[in-house]
Structure formats: structure tokens, C-alpha cells
Amino acid sequence: MTDATTLDLRGLRCPMPLLKLKQALHKTEAGRRLIVLTTDSGAQRDIPAFLRHTSHQLVSLDTSPDGSAQFVIDAQG
């Protein structure tokens, strides 16, 4: 089982969710999983776009009608 850390970024506006995620990934060991919670609609576009340019893997993105989103990310080395 992969260890998971939850990063609660709800209430933060662009660009803070992406900046906080970058900081967290920098500190996260390879093989760990990050669960990221956001309410900023821009994050649903920005985070997957950012991850495509990294070695980190977006496992899933779940959105809710209220605009919140949950990203599951596997950190890589």
C-alpha cells in the first residue's frame, strides 16, 4: 500500500494551489501518494498541465458540482 498525505488547499485562489503543490512535491519522497483538495476552478486545469511536465503521475481527478476537486498524485523521484 502506498503512503498518502493529504494537502488541503481549499479556499486558496490561483496561483496558490499550484505553488503549494510544487512545494509539497519537492518535499515528498518517491513512492508516496498526495491527495490534494482544492476549490479553485483554475487548479483543475493548472495541476494536470503542470504534472504532464514532471515525472509525477496524476492517478485520478474527481470533481464535485460545488466546484471542489480531489487530485490523487503519485510522487516520483
Protein backbone atom coordinates (compact mmCIF):
# COMPACT_ATOMS: atom_id res chain seq x y z
CA MET A 1 0.00 0.00 0.00
CA THR A 2 1.22 3.50 -0.86
CA ASP A 3 1.56 6.01 1.97
CA ALA A 4 -0.68 9.03 1.42
CA THR A 5 -0.53 12.62 2.60
CA THR A 6 -3.49 14.97 2.26
CA LEU A 7 -2.81 18.52 1.15
CA ASP A 8 -5.88 20.67 1.89
CA LEU A 9 -5.74 23.71 -0.40
CA ARG A 10 -9.45 24.53 -0.27
CA GLY A 11 -10.13 28.25 -0.14
CA LEU A 12 -6.86 29.22 -1.83
CA ARG A 13 -7.07 31.13 -5.09
CA CYS A 14 -4.87 30.83 -8.17
CA PRO A 15 -1.88 30.56 -8.25
CA MET A 16 -1.54 29.40 -4.62
CA PRO A 17 -2.84 25.81 -5.05
CA LEU A 18 -0.26 25.10 -7.74
CA LEU A 19 2.56 26.78 -5.81
CA LYS A 20 1.71 24.86 -2.62
CA LEU A 21 1.56 21.60 -4.60
CA LYS A 22 5.00 22.28 -6.11
CA GLN A 23 6.43 22.86 -2.62
CA ALA A 24 4.83 19.68 -1.30
CA LEU A 25 6.09 17.57 -4.20
CA HIS A 26 9.60 18.89 -3.66
CA LYS A 27 9.46 17.55 -0.06
CA THR A 28 7.66 14.28 -0.87
CA GLU A 29 9.60 11.04 -1.17
CA ALA A 30 9.21 8.93 -4.30
CA GLY A 31 6.53 6.29 -3.94
CA ARG A 32 4.31 8.38 -1.68
CA ARG A 33 0.85 9.49 -2.70
CA LEU A 34 -0.52 13.00 -2.33
CA ILE A 35 -4.24 13.67 -2.07
CA VAL A 36 -4.85 17.31 -2.97
CA LEU A 37 -8.14 19.06 -2.17
CA THR A 38 -8.96 22.33 -3.95
CA THR A 39 -11.87 24.69 -4.54
CA ASP A 40 -10.19 26.90 -7.14
CA SER A 41 -11.54 26.06 -10.60
CA GLY A 42 -8.23 27.03 -12.23
CA ALA A 43 -6.49 24.22 -10.35
CA GLN A 44 -8.47 21.66 -12.36
CA ARG A 45 -6.64 22.92 -15.44
CA ASP A 46 -3.31 24.02 -13.95
CA ILE A 47 -2.40 20.98 -11.85
CA PRO A 48 -2.80 18.34 -14.61
CA ALA A 49 -0.93 20.62 -17.05
CA PHE A 50 1.92 21.03 -14.57
CA LEU A 51 2.10 17.29 -13.84
CA ARG A 52 2.41 16.45 -17.55
CA HIS A 53 5.79 18.21 -17.48
CA THR A 54 7.07 16.29 -14.44
CA SER A 55 7.77 12.69 -13.50
CA HIS A 56 4.84 12.73 -11.05
CA GLN A 57 1.72 10.77 -12.00
CA LEU A 58 -1.86 12.05 -11.79
CA VAL A 59 -3.76 8.94 -10.70
CA SER A 60 -7.22 10.49 -10.59
CA LEU A 61 -9.15 13.75 -10.57
CA ASP A 62 -12.62 13.83 -9.05
CA THR A 63 -14.73 16.96 -9.25
CA SER A 64 -17.91 17.88 -7.40
CA PRO A 65 -20.82 20.04 -8.56
CA ASP A 66 -19.82 22.63 -5.93
CA GLY A 67 -16.53 23.21 -7.78
CA SER A 68 -14.27 21.35 -5.39
CA ALA A 69 -11.79 18.81 -6.70
CA GLN A 70 -9.68 15.97 -5.36
CA PHE A 71 -6.44 15.07 -7.11
CA VAL A 72 -4.60 11.84 -6.34
CA ILE A 73 -0.93 12.11 -7.31
CA ASP A 74 1.86 9.55 -7.08
CA ALA A 75 5.17 11.26 -6.36
CA GLN A 76 8.12 10.03 -8.39
CA GLY A 77 11.85 10.52 -7.95
